[in-house]
Amino acid sequence: MYVAFIIYFFRKLFDSSGFMPRWHCGKWESTHGWVYILSDITISLSYLAIPIIILFFIRKRRDMPFSKLFVLFSLFIVFCGLTHITDAIMFWYPLYRLNAVLLFITAIISTFTVVVLYKVLPEALNLKSPSQLQKIIDEQTKTLQIYNEKLKESEHQFRVLVNKKPDVITLIGRDLKYKFVNDSLGLLYDDINSFIGKSPNEANPTNPNTPIFMDKIREAFKTGKQVNYDIETNSSKKGHQYYTVEIIPLLDMDGIVNDVLTISKDTTQIRDNEIQLNATIQRLDKLTKRLEFKRNVLQDFAYIVSHNLRSPTGNLGMLIDIFKRTTDEDKKKELLDRFFSVSKQLSDTVHNLSDVVNINQNVEMEKTMLSFKNVLDNIMISLSAQITELNAKISYDFSTCETINYPKVYLESIMLNLLTNALKYSSKERTPEISFISNKRENGLIILECKDNGLGIDLERYGKKIFTLHKTFHNNPDAKGIGLFITKHQIKSLGGNITVESEPDKGATFIIKFNEIEVL
């Protein structure tokens, strides 16, 4: 029933039957009626114009508070304007039903507007008035001026502090251009002001370190993490320098890197100190090794002295005791002959030991660059008679290591002893063939081999005695057991070593490892 009434009402919304035009209701004077009509029309046009202006204002000022309230006001005013238009129309066409609907809608909107206005009223009352806002602005302006002065003072202090730092400090923005450089950059370049507003590529395009610097800056911007690295550089003002570069990202409140701070620390003096320290450590290590070597040599020498002087001195003591007890003149004469023989042996031993002492004390003999071939040629000339007599064939191969930095007197003595022994202990059953070979290195040491086809040595029997004093292994009347002993000490005194490979009647190969760089 109610729904049917509403449908009927809206169907008759524009139906004026049953109503009379307002001109016919009452006694309207023409002037009175038109004043009423024109006033309604004017009011309605104003009502329609005001919302348009309000909406335009809201669109331009999106930061305006209570914008929804302004929209409600606009709707209220629009419908008020529509009611005035219908009121003017009803003088000719009585649309009382339409006018009722418009009045009803206006009532709803106005009620809703009043409710919203009531809710926002406390908040609106808290809004500052223009005078209050101006006062706040003035106070904040003064505070801001104070802060600006303090900021300028802090910036000045910062610049003074940074400029006094010996480190080169710069500030680079996201556009990869310099925002700030401190005075220390002037230690490397003349016109540091030209760096401001330029990228490193633009400010210093010829420096080979610039591409690396740019890559590290991009890395700091990308990762937001500090980047450290070391560089070497040459400048016209300071020459060759070492620097440690730190690139520090500067994050804003949102965690975004807007700038990077670069600090380049001159580490040249530290590097130089490290080099000097390492050199000192190496010298101390070298000295320690030398002292250790001398201590070992001294122990060996003490053993040699004890071993080689004990027998002849003991024999001398026994001969003296026997000489004192005997009365036979022939026996005394025989004892004297034996006494002189042992005395000569003791003298020779002391002389040989003296040579060894001289070798061990001369570990710092002057070295010169020597040719193996030239040294061998000179030795062959001095031994030409023995070589010719034995018809010995001597060959050499110095293809890889032609020269050596070594004391001349030592190298001549070593090669002379090796060649003399090879000739002395050659086999009578075959032509002597002796070769010197130096065609390889091992762990930085020059290797020299002396190979012969002579009598050889029984290493199982004599292996531990080959390089000891007064040890001989063949019945050669000229053998004294001195040459190899002296040779070994000459080589070892300079940090080298000598070994032998041999079999009886198959010759021998002496292998020498020369140390030409460092004296132990």
Protein backbone atom coordinates (compact mmCIF):
# COMPACT_ATOMS: atom_id res chain seq x y z
CA MET A 1 0.00 0.00 0.00
CA TYR A 2 2.80 2.38 1.01
CA VAL A 3 4.96 1.39 -1.97
CA ALA A 4 2.03 1.92 -4.33
CA PHE A 5 1.54 5.40 -2.93
CA ILE A 6 5.22 6.28 -3.51
CA ILE A 7 5.05 4.99 -7.09
CA TYR A 8 1.90 7.02 -7.66
CA PHE A 9 3.51 10.09 -6.11
CA PHE A 10 6.60 10.00 -8.34
CA ARG A 11 4.47 9.33 -11.43
CA LYS A 12 2.56 12.53 -10.63
CA LEU A 13 5.80 14.38 -9.72
CA PHE A 14 5.45 16.85 -12.63
CA ASP A 15 1.62 16.77 -12.70
CA SER A 16 0.05 20.12 -11.71
CA SER A 17 -3.58 19.03 -11.80
CA GLY A 18 -5.44 19.90 -8.65
CA PHE A 19 -3.32 22.99 -8.07
CA MET A 20 -3.64 26.52 -9.32
CA PRO A 21 -0.79 28.73 -10.56
CA ARG A 22 0.34 31.12 -7.91
CA TRP A 23 -0.87 34.14 -9.99
CA HIS A 24 -4.40 32.88 -9.38
CA CYS A 25 -3.97 32.25 -5.65
CA GLY A 26 -4.80 35.48 -3.88
CA LYS A 27 -4.68 38.97 -5.23
CA TRP A 28 -1.23 39.41 -6.70
CA GLU A 29 -0.36 42.79 -7.95
CA SER A 30 1.84 42.68 -11.01
CA THR A 31 4.68 44.54 -9.33
CA HIS A 32 4.45 42.46 -6.21
CA GLY A 33 4.50 39.19 -8.22
CA TRP A 34 7.44 40.09 -10.39
CA VAL A 35 9.50 41.27 -7.41
CA TYR A 36 8.85 37.85 -5.85
CA ILE A 37 9.73 36.00 -9.06
CA LEU A 38 12.88 37.98 -9.86
CA SER A 39 14.08 37.69 -6.28
CA ASP A 40 13.68 33.87 -6.39
CA ILE A 41 15.54 33.68 -9.69
CA THR A 42 18.37 35.91 -8.43
CA ILE A 43 18.68 33.92 -5.19
CA SER A 44 18.71 30.61 -7.11
CA LEU A 45 21.44 31.84 -9.50
CA SER A 46 23.55 32.96 -6.56
CA TYR A 47 22.94 29.64 -4.82
CA LEU A 48 24.12 27.78 -7.94
CA ALA A 49 27.18 30.04 -8.42
CA ILE A 50 28.44 29.73 -4.82
CA PRO A 51 29.04 25.89 -4.95
CA ILE A 52 30.89 26.24 -8.24
CA ILE A 53 33.26 28.77 -6.64
CA ILE A 54 33.66 26.58 -3.51
CA LEU A 55 34.44 23.47 -5.57
CA PHE A 56 36.94 25.39 -7.70
CA PHE A 57 38.59 26.65 -4.50
CA ILE A 58 38.79 23.11 -3.04
CA ARG A 59 40.37 21.77 -6.22
CA LYS A 60 43.03 24.46 -6.11
CA ARG A 61 43.65 24.10 -2.38
CA ARG A 62 43.74 20.37 -1.75
CA ASP A 63 45.43 21.02 1.59
CA MET A 64 42.30 22.76 2.94
CA PRO A 65 40.95 21.13 6.12
CA PHE A 66 37.33 19.88 6.29
CA SER A 67 36.98 19.54 2.50
CA LYS A 68 34.04 17.08 2.92
CA LEU A 69 32.17 19.70 4.91
CA PHE A 70 32.61 22.15 2.04
CA VAL A 71 31.11 19.56 -0.33
CA LEU A 72 28.08 19.16 1.93
CA PHE A 73 27.64 22.93 2.08
CA SER A 74 27.78 23.04 -1.71
CA LEU A 75 25.06 20.39 -2.08
CA PHE A 76 22.89 22.16 0.51
CA ILE A 77 23.21 25.47 -1.33
CA VAL A 78 22.52 23.82 -4.73
CA PHE A 79 19.26 22.32 -3.53
CA CYS A 80 18.28 25.58 -1.82
CA GLY A 81 18.78 27.25 -5.20
CA LEU A 82 16.60 24.61 -6.93
CA THR A 83 13.76 25.22 -4.45
CA HIS A 84 13.81 28.94 -5.30
CA ILE A 85 13.67 28.16 -9.04
CA THR A 86 10.64 25.90 -8.60
CA ASP A 87 9.08 28.54 -6.38
CA ALA A 88 9.37 31.07 -9.22
CA ILE A 89 8.08 28.55 -11.82
CA MET A 90 4.95 27.83 -9.76
CA PHE A 91 3.58 31.33 -10.65
CA TRP A 92 2.78 29.75 -14.05
CA TYR A 93 3.14 25.99 -13.51
CA PRO A 94 2.29 24.71 -10.01
CA LEU A 95 4.91 21.90 -9.43
CA TYR A 96 4.07 21.52 -5.80
CA ARG A 97 4.93 17.79 -5.79
CA LEU A 98 8.46 18.42 -7.29
CA ASN A 99 8.95 21.32 -4.93
CA ALA A 100 8.09 19.07 -1.99
CA VAL A 101 10.69 16.51 -3.09
CA LEU A 102 13.36 19.20 -3.47
CA LEU A 103 12.51 20.61 -0.07
CA PHE A 104 12.71 17.12 1.42
CA ILE A 105 16.16 16.47 -0.09
CA THR A 106 17.31 19.89 1.06
CA ALA A 107 16.11 19.08 4.55
CA ILE A 108 18.05 15.80 4.61
CA ILE A 109 21.26 17.41 3.32
CA SER A 110 20.96 20.33 5.71
CA THR A 111 20.41 17.98 8.65
CA PHE A 112 23.42 15.86 7.67
CA THR A 113 25.46 19.04 7.24
CA VAL A 114 24.51 20.22 10.72
CA VAL A 115 25.58 16.87 12.21
CA VAL A 116 28.94 16.91 10.42
CA LEU A 117 29.45 20.56 11.33
CA TYR A 118 28.77 19.76 14.96
CA LYS A 119 31.38 16.99 14.91
CA VAL A 120 34.13 19.08 13.29
CA LEU A 121 33.36 22.22 15.27
CA PRO A 122 35.79 21.41 18.18
CA GLU A 123 38.55 20.69 15.71
CA ALA A 124 37.72 23.81 13.74
CA LEU A 125 37.81 25.89 16.92
CA ASN A 126 41.40 24.65 17.49
CA LEU A 127 42.52 26.10 14.19
CA LYS A 128 44.75 29.09 14.56
CA SER A 129 43.53 32.46 13.52
CA PRO A 130 45.52 34.44 10.92
CA SER A 131 46.96 36.64 13.66
CA GLN A 132 47.89 33.62 15.74
CA LEU A 133 49.44 31.96 12.70
CA GLN A 134 51.38 35.10 11.90
CA LYS A 135 52.65 35.23 15.46
CA ILE A 136 53.78 31.59 15.26
CA ILE A 137 55.42 32.28 11.92
CA ASP A 138 57.26 35.27 13.38
CA GLU A 139 58.46 33.24 16.38
CA GLN A 140 59.58 30.32 14.21
CA THR A 141 61.28 32.72 11.83
CA LYS A 142 63.32 34.14 14.70
CA THR A 143 64.13 30.61 15.93
CA LEU A 144 65.09 29.60 12.41
CA GLN A 145 67.36 32.63 12.11
CA ILE A 146 69.07 31.64 15.37
CA TYR A 147 69.49 28.08 14.11
CA ASN A 148 70.79 29.35 10.79
CA GLU A 149 73.39 31.44 12.58
CA LYS A 150 74.40 28.44 14.68
CA LEU A 151 74.44 26.27 11.55
CA LYS A 152 76.66 28.76 9.77
CA GLU A 153 78.96 28.85 12.80
CA SER A 154 79.04 25.03 12.95
CA GLU A 155 79.66 24.85 9.21
CA HIS A 156 82.50 27.33 9.57
CA GLN A 157 84.00 25.32 12.43
CA PHE A 158 83.56 22.14 10.41
CA ARG A 159 85.30 23.64 7.40
CA VAL A 160 88.17 24.93 9.55
CA LEU A 161 88.52 21.53 11.21
CA VAL A 162 88.29 19.59 7.93
CA ASN A 163 90.68 21.95 6.14
CA LYS A 164 93.28 21.50 8.87
CA LYS A 165 93.14 17.72 8.46
CA PRO A 166 96.02 16.35 6.36
CA ASP A 167 93.61 13.83 4.79
CA VAL A 168 91.96 14.72 1.48
CA ILE A 169 88.20 14.95 2.21
CA THR A 170 85.46 15.43 -0.39
CA LEU A 171 81.66 15.26 -0.53
CA ILE A 172 80.07 13.81 -3.67
CA GLY A 173 76.33 13.85 -4.50
CA ARG A 174 74.15 11.29 -6.27
CA ASP A 175 74.94 13.03 -9.57
CA LEU A 176 78.56 11.95 -8.90
CA LYS A 177 79.71 15.58 -8.73
CA TYR A 178 81.81 17.23 -6.05
CA LYS A 179 79.91 19.31 -3.50
CA PHE A 180 82.85 20.01 -1.21
CA VAL A 181 86.63 19.53 -1.18
CA ASN A 182 88.96 20.44 1.67
CA ASP A 183 92.19 22.41 1.38
CA SER A 184 94.34 19.27 1.61
CA LEU A 185 93.45 18.56 -2.01
CA GLY A 186 95.68 21.52 -2.80
CA LEU A 187 98.66 19.38 -1.78
CA LEU A 188 98.03 17.38 -4.96
CA TYR A 189 96.41 19.88 -7.35
CA ASP A 190 96.66 23.63 -7.86
CA ASP A 191 93.09 24.72 -8.70
CA ILE A 192 90.91 22.82 -6.22
CA ASN A 193 87.93 25.16 -6.69
CA SER A 194 87.53 23.82 -10.23
CA PHE A 195 86.51 20.46 -8.75
CA ILE A 196 83.21 21.81 -7.35
CA GLY A 197 80.25 20.90 -9.57
CA LYS A 198 82.28 18.45 -11.62
CA SER A 199 82.53 14.67 -11.54
CA PRO A 200 85.94 13.04 -10.88
CA ASN A 201 86.07 12.14 -14.59
CA GLU A 202 85.60 15.80 -15.52
CA ALA A 203 87.88 17.21 -12.81
CA ASN A 204 90.74 14.72 -13.17
CA PRO A 205 90.36 12.79 -16.45
CA THR A 206 94.04 11.86 -16.92
CA ASN A 207 94.57 10.18 -13.54
CA PRO A 208 94.69 6.36 -14.00
CA ASN A 209 93.02 5.93 -10.59
CA THR A 210 89.90 7.94 -11.57
CA PRO A 211 87.95 5.01 -13.19
CA ILE A 212 88.52 2.89 -10.08
CA PHE A 213 87.44 5.81 -7.87
CA MET A 214 84.21 6.21 -9.88
CA ASP A 215 83.44 2.47 -9.66
CA LYS A 216 83.94 2.48 -5.88
CA ILE A 217 81.67 5.54 -5.47
CA ARG A 218 78.91 3.83 -7.49
CA GLU A 219 79.34 0.74 -5.33
CA ALA A 220 78.89 2.81 -2.14
CA PHE A 221 75.72 4.43 -3.52
CA LYS A 222 74.35 1.06 -4.63
CA THR A 223 75.10 -0.99 -1.50
CA GLY A 224 74.91 1.73 1.15
CA LYS A 225 78.06 0.25 2.72
CA GLN A 226 81.49 1.76 3.33
CA VAL A 227 84.13 0.95 0.70
CA ASN A 228 87.88 0.91 1.45
CA TYR A 229 90.77 0.39 -0.96
CA ASP A 230 94.44 1.37 -1.50
CA ILE A 231 95.99 3.21 -4.43
CA GLU A 232 99.35 4.42 -5.69
CA THR A 233 99.51 7.79 -7.35
CA ASN A 234 101.96 10.28 -8.82
CA SER A 235 101.38 14.01 -8.59
CA SER A 236 103.44 16.88 -9.90
CA LYS A 237 103.57 18.35 -6.38
CA LYS A 238 104.27 15.33 -4.14
CA GLY A 239 105.60 12.63 -6.46
CA HIS A 240 104.95 8.95 -5.80
CA GLN A 241 102.49 8.47 -2.95
CA TYR A 242 100.38 5.73 -1.35
CA TYR A 243 96.81 6.41 -0.14
CA THR A 244 94.10 4.49 1.69
CA VAL A 245 90.69 5.66 0.42
CA GLU A 246 87.51 5.40 2.52
CA ILE A 247 84.14 6.03 0.84
CA ILE A 248 81.40 6.51 3.47
CA PRO A 249 77.69 6.60 2.44
CA LEU A 250 75.63 9.32 4.15
CA LEU A 251 72.03 8.12 4.69
CA ASP A 252 69.02 10.38 5.21
CA MET A 253 66.08 9.68 7.56
CA ASP A 254 64.54 7.32 4.99
CA GLY A 255 67.76 5.31 4.68
CA ILE A 256 68.52 6.67 1.19
CA VAL A 257 72.12 7.49 0.27
CA ASN A 258 72.13 11.07 -1.02
CA ASP A 259 75.86 11.79 -0.64
CA VAL A 260 79.13 9.98 -0.02
CA LEU A 261 82.06 11.27 2.01
CA THR A 262 85.50 10.31 0.70
CA ILE A 263 88.59 10.36 2.93
CA SER A 264 92.00 9.73 1.35
CA LYS A 265 94.75 9.13 3.91
CA ASP A 266 98.40 9.47 2.93
CA THR A 267 100.02 6.16 3.98
CA THR A 268 103.36 6.75 2.24
CA GLN A 269 105.29 7.18 5.49
CA ILE A 270 103.63 4.08 6.94
CA ARG A 271 104.56 2.10 3.83
CA ASP A 272 108.13 3.40 4.00
CA ASN A 273 108.32 2.48 7.68
CA GLU A 274 106.97 -0.99 6.89
CA ILE A 275 109.58 -1.41 4.17
CA GLN A 276 112.34 -0.29 6.53
CA LEU A 277 110.98 -2.56 9.26
CA ASN A 278 110.87 -5.52 6.88
CA ALA A 279 114.41 -4.72 5.72
CA THR A 280 115.54 -4.59 9.36
CA ILE A 281 113.78 -7.89 10.07
CA GLN A 282 115.45 -9.43 7.03
CA ARG A 283 118.83 -8.13 8.15
CA LEU A 284 118.26 -9.49 11.65
CA ASP A 285 117.09 -12.79 10.19
CA LYS A 286 120.14 -12.84 7.97
CA LEU A 287 122.36 -12.05 10.96
CA THR A 288 120.65 -14.76 13.02
CA LYS A 289 121.20 -17.31 10.28
CA ARG A 290 124.79 -16.18 9.94
CA LEU A 291 125.39 -16.51 13.68
CA GLU A 292 123.70 -19.90 13.66
CA PHE A 293 125.86 -20.95 10.75
CA LYS A 294 129.00 -19.73 12.50
CA ARG A 295 127.95 -21.52 15.68
CA ASN A 296 127.55 -24.75 13.76
CA VAL A 297 130.87 -24.18 12.01
CA LEU A 298 132.48 -23.50 15.38
CA GLN A 299 131.06 -26.74 16.76
CA ASP A 300 132.33 -28.63 13.70
CA PHE A 301 135.67 -26.92 14.00
CA ALA A 302 135.91 -27.76 17.71
CA TYR A 303 135.16 -31.37 16.86
CA ILE A 304 137.78 -31.34 14.08
CA VAL A 305 140.39 -29.76 16.37
CA SER A 306 139.62 -32.24 19.11
CA HIS A 307 139.68 -35.18 16.74
CA ASN A 308 142.69 -34.24 14.61
CA LEU A 309 144.96 -32.84 17.34
CA ARG A 310 144.28 -35.48 19.95
CA SER A 311 146.23 -38.24 18.17
CA PRO A 312 149.41 -36.32 17.25
CA THR A 313 149.58 -34.55 20.63
CA GLY A 314 149.02 -37.87 22.38
CA ASN A 315 151.73 -39.46 20.25
CA LEU A 316 154.12 -36.63 21.07
CA GLY A 317 153.49 -37.13 24.79
CA MET A 318 154.08 -40.88 24.57
CA LEU A 319 157.26 -40.40 22.46
CA ILE A 320 158.61 -37.93 25.04
CA ASP A 321 157.91 -40.36 27.90
CA ILE A 322 159.60 -43.23 26.01
CA PHE A 323 162.52 -40.98 25.06
CA LYS A 324 163.05 -40.07 28.73
CA ARG A 325 163.04 -43.71 29.84
CA THR A 326 165.31 -45.20 27.13
CA THR A 327 169.13 -45.28 27.35
CA ASP A 328 169.81 -46.80 23.95
CA GLU A 329 171.21 -44.09 21.64
CA ASP A 330 169.98 -45.80 18.46
CA LYS A 331 166.54 -46.07 20.00
CA LYS A 332 166.63 -42.39 20.96
CA LYS A 333 167.61 -41.45 17.40
CA GLU A 334 164.68 -43.48 16.05
CA LEU A 335 162.35 -41.81 18.57
CA LEU A 336 163.63 -38.36 17.51
CA ASP A 337 162.92 -39.15 13.86
CA ARG A 338 159.42 -40.25 14.79
CA PHE A 339 159.06 -37.15 17.01
CA PHE A 340 159.89 -34.83 14.08
CA SER A 341 157.52 -36.75 11.79
CA VAL A 342 154.60 -36.40 14.25
CA SER A 343 155.54 -32.75 14.85
CA LYS A 344 155.40 -32.05 11.10
CA GLN A 345 152.01 -33.80 10.91
CA LEU A 346 150.76 -31.65 13.81
CA SER A 347 152.11 -28.50 12.13
CA ASP A 348 150.38 -29.39 8.84
CA THR A 349 147.13 -30.05 10.69
CA VAL A 350 147.32 -26.70 12.50
CA HIS A 351 148.09 -24.96 9.19
CA ASN A 352 145.11 -26.63 7.49
CA LEU A 353 142.82 -25.76 10.39
CA SER A 354 144.05 -22.16 10.15
CA ASP A 355 142.96 -22.10 6.49
CA VAL A 356 139.52 -23.33 7.53
CA VAL A 357 139.28 -20.56 10.15
CA ASN A 358 140.17 -17.98 7.50
CA ILE A 359 137.45 -19.38 5.21
CA ASN A 360 134.78 -19.15 7.90
CA GLN A 361 135.82 -15.61 8.84
CA ASN A 362 135.65 -14.40 5.22
CA VAL A 363 131.96 -15.09 4.55
CA GLU A 364 131.56 -11.47 3.43
CA MET A 365 134.22 -11.56 0.74
CA GLU A 366 133.58 -9.29 -2.23
CA LYS A 367 131.56 -10.92 -5.00
CA THR A 368 131.99 -10.29 -8.71
CA MET A 369 130.22 -11.56 -11.79
CA LEU A 370 132.35 -14.46 -13.05
CA SER A 371 132.20 -16.61 -16.17
CA PHE A 372 132.39 -20.34 -15.50
CA LYS A 373 134.10 -20.83 -18.87
CA ASN A 374 136.77 -18.18 -18.22
CA VAL A 375 137.59 -19.60 -14.78
CA LEU A 376 137.79 -23.14 -16.18
CA ASP A 377 139.98 -22.02 -19.09
CA ASN A 378 142.47 -20.41 -16.69
CA ILE A 379 142.58 -23.53 -14.49
CA MET A 380 143.12 -25.76 -17.54
CA ILE A 381 146.09 -23.58 -18.52
CA SER A 382 147.62 -23.97 -15.04
CA LEU A 383 147.10 -27.77 -15.19
CA SER A 384 147.99 -28.15 -18.85
CA ALA A 385 150.99 -30.42 -18.08
CA GLN A 386 148.89 -32.98 -16.11
CA ILE A 387 146.09 -32.80 -18.71
CA THR A 388 148.54 -33.40 -21.56
CA GLU A 389 150.32 -36.21 -19.70
CA LEU A 390 147.06 -38.07 -19.05
CA ASN A 391 145.60 -37.14 -22.46
CA ALA A 392 142.47 -36.10 -20.52
CA LYS A 393 139.35 -34.93 -22.33
CA ILE A 394 137.70 -32.00 -20.61
CA SER A 395 134.30 -30.71 -21.72
CA TYR A 396 131.77 -28.23 -20.36
CA ASP A 397 128.16 -27.07 -20.79
CA PHE A 398 127.34 -23.68 -19.32
CA SER A 399 124.40 -23.07 -21.69
CA THR A 400 121.88 -22.09 -19.01
CA CYS A 401 124.06 -20.60 -16.27
CA GLU A 402 127.04 -18.96 -17.91
CA THR A 403 127.90 -16.62 -15.04
CA ILE A 404 127.72 -16.45 -11.28
CA ASN A 405 128.03 -13.68 -8.68
CA TYR A 406 130.70 -15.18 -6.40
CA PRO A 407 134.11 -14.49 -4.79
CA LYS A 408 136.71 -15.12 -7.49
CA VAL A 409 139.29 -16.77 -5.22
CA TYR A 410 136.67 -19.23 -3.93
CA LEU A 411 135.32 -20.21 -7.35
CA GLU A 412 138.85 -20.72 -8.69
CA SER A 413 139.78 -22.82 -5.63
CA ILE A 414 136.59 -24.96 -5.87
CA MET A 415 136.91 -25.69 -9.59
CA LEU A 416 140.69 -26.26 -9.25
CA ASN A 417 140.20 -28.83 -6.47
CA LEU A 418 137.48 -30.63 -8.44
CA LEU A 419 139.58 -30.80 -11.63
CA THR A 420 142.78 -31.74 -9.72
CA ASN A 421 141.00 -34.60 -7.91
CA ALA A 422 139.44 -35.83 -11.18
CA LEU A 423 142.91 -35.97 -12.79
CA LYS A 424 144.61 -37.39 -9.69
CA TYR A 425 142.13 -40.24 -9.30
CA SER A 426 141.66 -41.06 -12.98
CA SER A 427 141.72 -44.72 -14.05
CA LYS A 428 144.81 -46.03 -15.86
CA GLU A 429 142.59 -48.36 -17.86
CA ARG A 430 140.75 -45.60 -19.77
CA THR A 431 141.22 -42.11 -21.05
CA PRO A 432 140.11 -39.58 -18.43
CA GLU A 433 136.91 -37.77 -19.36
CA ILE A 434 135.93 -34.84 -17.18
CA SER A 435 132.93 -32.56 -17.72
CA PHE A 436 131.67 -29.44 -15.99
CA ILE A 437 127.92 -28.83 -16.40
CA SER A 438 125.85 -25.87 -15.23
CA ASN A 439 122.56 -25.96 -17.13
CA LYS A 440 119.89 -25.70 -14.44
CA ARG A 441 118.79 -23.93 -11.27
CA GLU A 442 117.09 -25.35 -8.21
CA ASN A 443 115.12 -23.12 -5.79
CA GLY A 444 117.05 -20.10 -7.01
CA LEU A 445 120.46 -21.76 -6.56
CA ILE A 446 122.91 -22.33 -9.43
CA ILE A 447 123.81 -26.02 -9.86
CA LEU A 448 127.33 -27.00 -11.04
CA GLU A 449 128.20 -30.64 -11.68
CA CYS A 450 131.71 -32.03 -12.11
CA LYS A 451 131.57 -35.52 -13.58
CA ASP A 452 134.50 -37.89 -14.26
CA ASN A 453 135.05 -41.53 -15.27
CA GLY A 454 137.85 -42.20 -12.77
CA LEU A 455 138.32 -44.61 -9.89
CA GLY A 456 135.15 -43.57 -8.07
CA ILE A 457 134.45 -43.83 -4.34
CA ASP A 458 132.78 -46.55 -2.29
CA LEU A 459 130.06 -44.41 -0.69
CA GLU A 460 128.74 -47.25 1.46
CA ARG A 461 132.16 -47.44 3.09
CA TYR A 462 133.40 -43.86 2.99
CA GLY A 463 130.23 -41.80 2.37
CA LYS A 464 130.30 -40.01 5.75
CA LYS A 465 134.05 -39.26 5.58
CA ILE A 466 134.46 -37.82 2.08
CA PHE A 467 134.55 -34.17 3.14
CA THR A 468 136.39 -34.64 6.47
CA LEU A 469 139.95 -33.57 7.17
CA HIS A 470 142.83 -35.92 6.26
CA LYS A 471 140.59 -38.67 4.89
CA THR A 472 141.79 -40.43 1.73
CA PHE A 473 140.22 -43.37 -0.07
CA HIS A 474 142.92 -44.55 -2.52
CA ASN A 475 146.56 -45.48 -2.11
CA ASN A 476 147.78 -42.29 -3.71
CA PRO A 477 151.00 -41.09 -2.03
CA ASP A 478 150.17 -37.44 -2.89
CA ALA A 479 146.73 -37.54 -1.22
CA LYS A 480 146.42 -35.47 1.94
CA GLY A 481 142.62 -35.36 2.43
CA ILE A 482 142.60 -31.54 2.44
CA GLY A 483 141.12 -30.43 -0.92
CA LEU A 484 137.52 -31.63 -0.50
CA PHE A 485 137.50 -30.53 3.13
CA ILE A 486 138.53 -26.97 2.15
CA THR A 487 136.10 -26.98 -0.83
CA LYS A 488 133.13 -27.95 1.34
CA HIS A 489 133.85 -25.16 3.85
CA GLN A 490 134.26 -22.59 1.10
CA ILE A 491 130.86 -23.51 -0.39
CA LYS A 492 129.05 -23.79 2.95
CA SER A 493 130.48 -20.50 4.23
CA LEU A 494 128.45 -18.75 1.50
CA GLY A 495 125.24 -20.68 2.06
CA GLY A 496 125.74 -23.40 -0.54
CA ASN A 497 126.19 -27.15 -0.38
CA ILE A 498 128.16 -29.96 -2.04
CA THR A 499 127.22 -33.63 -2.43
CA VAL A 500 128.69 -36.58 -4.36
CA GLU A 501 127.32 -39.50 -6.35
CA SER A 502 129.78 -42.31 -7.07
CA GLU A 503 130.45 -46.05 -7.41
CA PRO A 504 133.82 -47.79 -7.34
CA ASP A 505 135.53 -47.77 -10.77
CA LYS A 506 132.57 -45.89 -12.31
CA GLY A 507 133.70 -42.37 -11.70
CA ALA A 508 132.20 -39.69 -9.47
CA THR A 509 129.86 -36.73 -9.88
CA PHE A 510 130.23 -33.80 -7.48
CA ILE A 511 127.11 -31.61 -7.32
CA ILE A 512 127.49 -28.05 -6.02
CA LYS A 513 124.60 -25.74 -5.19
CA PHE A 514 125.95 -22.18 -5.22
CA ASN A 515 124.19 -19.41 -3.28
CA GLU A 516 125.01 -16.26 -5.27
CA ILE A 517 122.39 -13.98 -3.65
CA GLU A 518 122.61 -14.12 0.11
CA VAL A 519 125.48 -14.76 2.49
CA LEU A 520 124.32 -16.66 5.55
